[in-house]
């Protein structure tokens, strides 16, 4: 058996551990009212699980499950954030 480091479970080699992205994105403990589009949850302090300060730094895409974790993190995440900033700025 091999200690894979994920919650210290023992797994036989080779073993693949996959994330359930849909389950993570629809966790009601983190994202209240998961069935509705609520962008204010990122900038309203009444949503303590997603709101972070300072708003000059957050919200960011870094650390979100859609862009992977660890060694498998999307290499273009910084480019994506800059492009989103420019697109939103030009629309305003």
N, C-alpha and C. Protein backbone atom coordinates (compact mmCIF):
# COMPACT_ATOMS: atom_id res chain seq x y z
N UNK A 1 0.83 -1.18 0.00
CA UNK A 1 0.00 0.00 0.00
C UNK A 1 0.88 1.25 0.00
N UNK A 2 0.32 2.31 -0.55
CA UNK A 2 1.05 3.57 -0.70
C UNK A 2 0.24 4.68 -0.06
N UNK A 3 0.89 5.54 0.71
CA UNK A 3 0.23 6.69 1.30
C UNK A 3 0.20 7.80 0.27
N UNK A 4 -1.01 8.15 -0.21
CA UNK A 4 -1.10 9.12 -1.30
C UNK A 4 -1.18 10.56 -0.84
N UNK A 5 -1.33 10.83 0.43
CA UNK A 5 -1.35 12.19 0.93
C UNK A 5 -2.70 12.85 0.91
N UNK A 6 -3.70 12.22 0.32
CA UNK A 6 -5.04 12.78 0.30
C UNK A 6 -5.81 12.25 1.49
N UNK A 7 -5.96 13.07 2.48
CA UNK A 7 -6.63 12.67 3.73
C UNK A 7 -6.00 11.44 4.35
N UNK A 8 -4.74 11.21 3.98
CA UNK A 8 -3.94 10.11 4.53
C UNK A 8 -4.59 8.74 4.35
N UNK A 9 -5.18 8.53 3.18
CA UNK A 9 -5.74 7.23 2.83
C UNK A 9 -4.67 6.35 2.19
N UNK A 10 -4.72 5.09 2.45
CA UNK A 10 -3.82 4.14 1.80
C UNK A 10 -4.49 3.63 0.54
N UNK A 11 -3.76 3.69 -0.58
CA UNK A 11 -4.30 3.21 -1.85
C UNK A 11 -3.24 2.36 -2.54
N UNK A 12 -3.68 1.38 -3.30
CA UNK A 12 -2.71 0.57 -4.06
C UNK A 12 -2.17 1.38 -5.24
N UNK A 13 -0.94 1.08 -5.64
CA UNK A 13 -0.35 1.73 -6.80
C UNK A 13 -0.66 0.94 -8.05
N UNK A 14 -0.87 1.48 -9.21
CA UNK A 14 -1.16 2.89 -9.43
C UNK A 14 -2.62 3.17 -9.12
N UNK A 15 -2.89 4.29 -8.56
CA UNK A 15 -4.25 4.67 -8.19
C UNK A 15 -4.48 6.11 -8.62
N UNK A 16 -5.62 6.35 -9.24
CA UNK A 16 -5.98 7.69 -9.68
C UNK A 16 -7.08 8.22 -8.78
N UNK A 17 -6.92 9.45 -8.34
CA UNK A 17 -7.92 10.11 -7.51
C UNK A 17 -8.41 11.32 -8.30
N UNK A 18 -9.69 11.35 -8.57
CA UNK A 18 -10.28 12.42 -9.35
C UNK A 18 -11.18 13.29 -8.49
N UNK A 19 -11.28 14.57 -8.85
CA UNK A 19 -12.19 15.48 -8.16
C UNK A 19 -13.57 15.38 -8.79
N UNK A 20 -14.59 15.48 -7.99
CA UNK A 20 -15.95 15.58 -8.50
C UNK A 20 -16.28 17.07 -8.58
N UNK A 21 -15.96 17.67 -9.72
CA UNK A 21 -16.07 19.10 -9.89
C UNK A 21 -17.49 19.60 -9.67
N UNK A 22 -18.46 18.87 -10.19
CA UNK A 22 -19.86 19.30 -10.03
C UNK A 22 -20.26 19.31 -8.56
N UNK A 23 -19.82 18.31 -7.81
CA UNK A 23 -20.15 18.26 -6.38
C UNK A 23 -19.48 19.40 -5.62
N UNK A 24 -18.26 19.76 -6.00
CA UNK A 24 -17.57 20.86 -5.34
C UNK A 24 -18.26 22.19 -5.65
N UNK A 25 -18.64 22.39 -6.91
CA UNK A 25 -19.25 23.65 -7.33
C UNK A 25 -20.67 23.81 -6.82
N UNK A 26 -21.30 22.74 -6.40
CA UNK A 26 -22.69 22.81 -5.95
C UNK A 26 -22.83 22.48 -4.46
N UNK A 27 -21.79 22.74 -3.70
CA UNK A 27 -21.84 22.49 -2.27
C UNK A 27 -22.60 23.64 -1.59
N UNK A 28 -23.79 23.37 -1.03
CA UNK A 28 -24.57 24.46 -0.43
C UNK A 28 -23.93 25.06 0.82
N UNK A 29 -22.99 24.36 1.43
CA UNK A 29 -22.30 24.92 2.59
C UNK A 29 -21.36 26.05 2.16
N UNK A 30 -20.84 25.98 0.94
CA UNK A 30 -19.93 27.00 0.43
C UNK A 30 -20.67 28.01 -0.43
N UNK A 31 -21.56 27.53 -1.30
CA UNK A 31 -22.30 28.38 -2.23
C UNK A 31 -23.79 28.32 -1.90
N UNK A 32 -24.29 29.20 -1.04
CA UNK A 32 -25.71 29.17 -0.73
C UNK A 32 -26.54 29.45 -1.99
N UNK A 33 -27.69 28.81 -2.08
CA UNK A 33 -28.60 28.98 -3.22
C UNK A 33 -27.90 28.62 -4.53
N UNK A 34 -27.43 27.38 -4.61
CA UNK A 34 -26.59 26.94 -5.74
C UNK A 34 -27.32 26.91 -7.07
N UNK A 35 -28.63 26.87 -7.07
CA UNK A 35 -29.38 26.77 -8.32
C UNK A 35 -29.58 28.10 -9.02
N UNK A 36 -29.24 29.19 -8.37
CA UNK A 36 -29.44 30.51 -8.97
C UNK A 36 -28.12 31.23 -9.18
N UNK A 37 -28.08 32.01 -10.25
CA UNK A 37 -26.90 32.82 -10.56
C UNK A 37 -26.89 34.02 -9.63
N UNK A 38 -25.93 34.08 -8.73
CA UNK A 38 -25.86 35.14 -7.72
C UNK A 38 -24.45 35.72 -7.68
N UNK A 39 -24.07 36.57 -8.62
CA UNK A 39 -22.71 37.11 -8.61
C UNK A 39 -22.40 37.98 -7.40
N UNK A 40 -23.42 38.49 -6.73
CA UNK A 40 -23.16 39.33 -5.56
C UNK A 40 -22.56 38.56 -4.40
N UNK A 41 -22.61 37.24 -4.47
CA UNK A 41 -22.03 36.45 -3.37
C UNK A 41 -20.52 36.65 -3.24
N UNK A 42 -19.88 37.18 -4.27
CA UNK A 42 -18.43 37.41 -4.22
C UNK A 42 -18.07 38.77 -3.65
N UNK A 43 -19.02 39.72 -3.62
CA UNK A 43 -18.71 41.08 -3.16
C UNK A 43 -19.59 41.54 -2.01
N UNK A 44 -20.48 40.70 -1.52
CA UNK A 44 -21.40 41.06 -0.44
C UNK A 44 -20.99 40.35 0.85
N UNK A 45 -20.71 41.08 1.92
CA UNK A 45 -20.27 40.45 3.17
C UNK A 45 -21.30 39.51 3.80
N UNK A 46 -22.56 39.55 3.34
CA UNK A 46 -23.56 38.64 3.90
C UNK A 46 -23.37 37.20 3.42
N UNK A 47 -22.41 36.96 2.52
CA UNK A 47 -22.05 35.62 2.06
C UNK A 47 -20.65 35.30 2.60
N UNK A 48 -20.52 34.86 3.85
CA UNK A 48 -19.20 34.70 4.46
C UNK A 48 -18.35 33.59 3.85
N UNK A 49 -18.95 32.64 3.15
CA UNK A 49 -18.14 31.54 2.60
C UNK A 49 -17.44 31.91 1.29
N UNK A 50 -17.92 32.94 0.59
CA UNK A 50 -17.28 33.33 -0.67
C UNK A 50 -16.70 34.74 -0.65
N UNK A 51 -17.15 35.58 0.25
CA UNK A 51 -16.68 36.97 0.33
C UNK A 51 -15.32 37.02 1.03
N UNK A 52 -14.37 37.74 0.42
CA UNK A 52 -13.06 37.96 1.04
C UNK A 52 -12.62 39.39 0.79
N UNK A 53 -11.88 39.92 1.72
CA UNK A 53 -11.34 41.28 1.57
C UNK A 53 -9.84 41.21 1.38
N UNK A 54 -9.21 42.15 0.78
CA UNK A 54 -9.75 43.38 0.22
C UNK A 54 -10.33 43.12 -1.17
N UNK A 55 -11.35 43.89 -1.53
CA UNK A 55 -11.97 43.71 -2.84
C UNK A 55 -11.06 44.16 -3.97
N UNK A 56 -9.97 44.85 -3.65
CA UNK A 56 -8.99 45.18 -4.68
C UNK A 56 -8.19 43.96 -5.11
N UNK A 57 -8.17 42.93 -4.28
CA UNK A 57 -7.43 41.71 -4.58
C UNK A 57 -8.36 40.55 -4.93
N UNK A 58 -9.52 40.50 -4.30
CA UNK A 58 -10.46 39.40 -4.51
C UNK A 58 -11.72 39.95 -5.16
N UNK A 59 -12.53 39.21 -5.83
CA UNK A 59 -12.37 37.79 -6.10
C UNK A 59 -11.38 37.53 -7.23
N UNK A 60 -10.70 36.42 -7.14
CA UNK A 60 -9.75 36.01 -8.18
C UNK A 60 -10.12 34.61 -8.65
N UNK A 61 -9.54 34.20 -9.74
CA UNK A 61 -9.78 32.85 -10.26
C UNK A 61 -8.83 31.84 -9.63
N UNK A 62 -7.74 32.31 -9.07
CA UNK A 62 -6.75 31.41 -8.48
C UNK A 62 -7.34 30.67 -7.30
N UNK A 63 -7.14 29.36 -7.29
CA UNK A 63 -7.65 28.55 -6.19
C UNK A 63 -9.03 27.95 -6.44
N UNK A 64 -9.65 28.31 -7.55
CA UNK A 64 -10.95 27.72 -7.86
C UNK A 64 -10.77 26.37 -8.55
N UNK A 65 -11.64 25.45 -8.24
CA UNK A 65 -11.49 24.07 -8.73
C UNK A 65 -11.55 23.96 -10.24
N UNK A 66 -12.17 24.90 -10.94
CA UNK A 66 -12.27 24.81 -12.40
C UNK A 66 -10.91 24.90 -13.08
N UNK A 67 -9.94 25.46 -12.40
CA UNK A 67 -8.62 25.65 -13.00
C UNK A 67 -7.59 24.67 -12.47
N UNK A 68 -8.03 23.62 -11.79
CA UNK A 68 -7.13 22.57 -11.33
C UNK A 68 -6.46 22.90 -10.01
N UNK A 69 -5.67 21.95 -9.53
CA UNK A 69 -4.98 22.09 -8.25
C UNK A 69 -3.56 21.57 -8.37
N UNK A 70 -2.69 22.12 -7.55
CA UNK A 70 -1.32 21.62 -7.46
C UNK A 70 -0.56 21.71 -8.77
N UNK A 71 0.07 20.61 -9.13
CA UNK A 71 0.87 20.58 -10.36
C UNK A 71 0.01 20.70 -11.61
N UNK A 72 -1.26 20.41 -11.49
CA UNK A 72 -2.16 20.42 -12.64
C UNK A 72 -2.92 21.73 -12.79
N UNK A 73 -2.47 22.79 -12.13
CA UNK A 73 -3.13 24.08 -12.24
C UNK A 73 -2.94 24.64 -13.64
N UNK A 74 -3.96 25.29 -14.14
CA UNK A 74 -3.92 25.91 -15.47
C UNK A 74 -2.77 26.91 -15.54
N UNK A 75 -1.92 26.77 -16.55
CA UNK A 75 -0.78 27.66 -16.69
C UNK A 75 -1.18 29.06 -17.15
N UNK A 76 -2.34 29.17 -17.77
CA UNK A 76 -2.76 30.46 -18.31
C UNK A 76 -3.68 31.25 -17.40
N UNK A 77 -3.77 30.89 -16.13
CA UNK A 77 -4.71 31.57 -15.23
C UNK A 77 -4.40 33.05 -15.08
N UNK A 78 -3.14 33.45 -15.08
CA UNK A 78 -2.81 34.87 -14.97
C UNK A 78 -3.25 35.63 -16.23
N UNK A 79 -3.07 35.02 -17.39
CA UNK A 79 -3.51 35.64 -18.65
C UNK A 79 -5.03 35.78 -18.65
N UNK A 80 -5.72 34.76 -18.19
CA UNK A 80 -7.18 34.80 -18.14
C UNK A 80 -7.66 35.93 -17.24
N UNK A 81 -7.04 36.07 -16.08
CA UNK A 81 -7.45 37.15 -15.16
C UNK A 81 -7.22 38.53 -15.77
N UNK A 82 -6.10 38.72 -16.46
CA UNK A 82 -5.82 40.01 -17.08
C UNK A 82 -6.80 40.28 -18.23
N UNK A 83 -7.11 39.25 -19.03
CA UNK A 83 -8.06 39.43 -20.12
C UNK A 83 -9.46 39.74 -19.61
N UNK A 84 -9.87 39.07 -18.54
CA UNK A 84 -11.18 39.38 -17.95
C UNK A 84 -11.22 40.81 -17.42
N UNK A 85 -10.13 41.24 -16.78
CA UNK A 85 -10.06 42.62 -16.28
C UNK A 85 -10.21 43.61 -17.42
N UNK A 86 -9.49 43.37 -18.53
CA UNK A 86 -9.57 44.28 -19.67
C UNK A 86 -10.96 44.26 -20.29
N UNK A 87 -11.54 43.09 -20.44
CA UNK A 87 -12.88 42.99 -21.05
C UNK A 87 -13.92 43.71 -20.22
N UNK A 88 -13.87 43.53 -18.89
CA UNK A 88 -14.83 44.19 -18.02
C UNK A 88 -14.60 45.70 -18.00
N UNK A 89 -13.34 46.11 -18.01
CA UNK A 89 -13.01 47.54 -18.01
C UNK A 89 -13.50 48.21 -19.29
N UNK A 90 -13.31 47.56 -20.43
CA UNK A 90 -13.72 48.14 -21.69
C UNK A 90 -15.24 48.19 -21.84
N UNK A 91 -15.95 47.29 -21.18
CA UNK A 91 -17.41 47.29 -21.22
C UNK A 91 -18.00 48.38 -20.36
N UNK A 92 -17.30 48.78 -19.32
CA UNK A 92 -17.86 49.76 -18.37
C UNK A 92 -17.86 51.16 -18.90
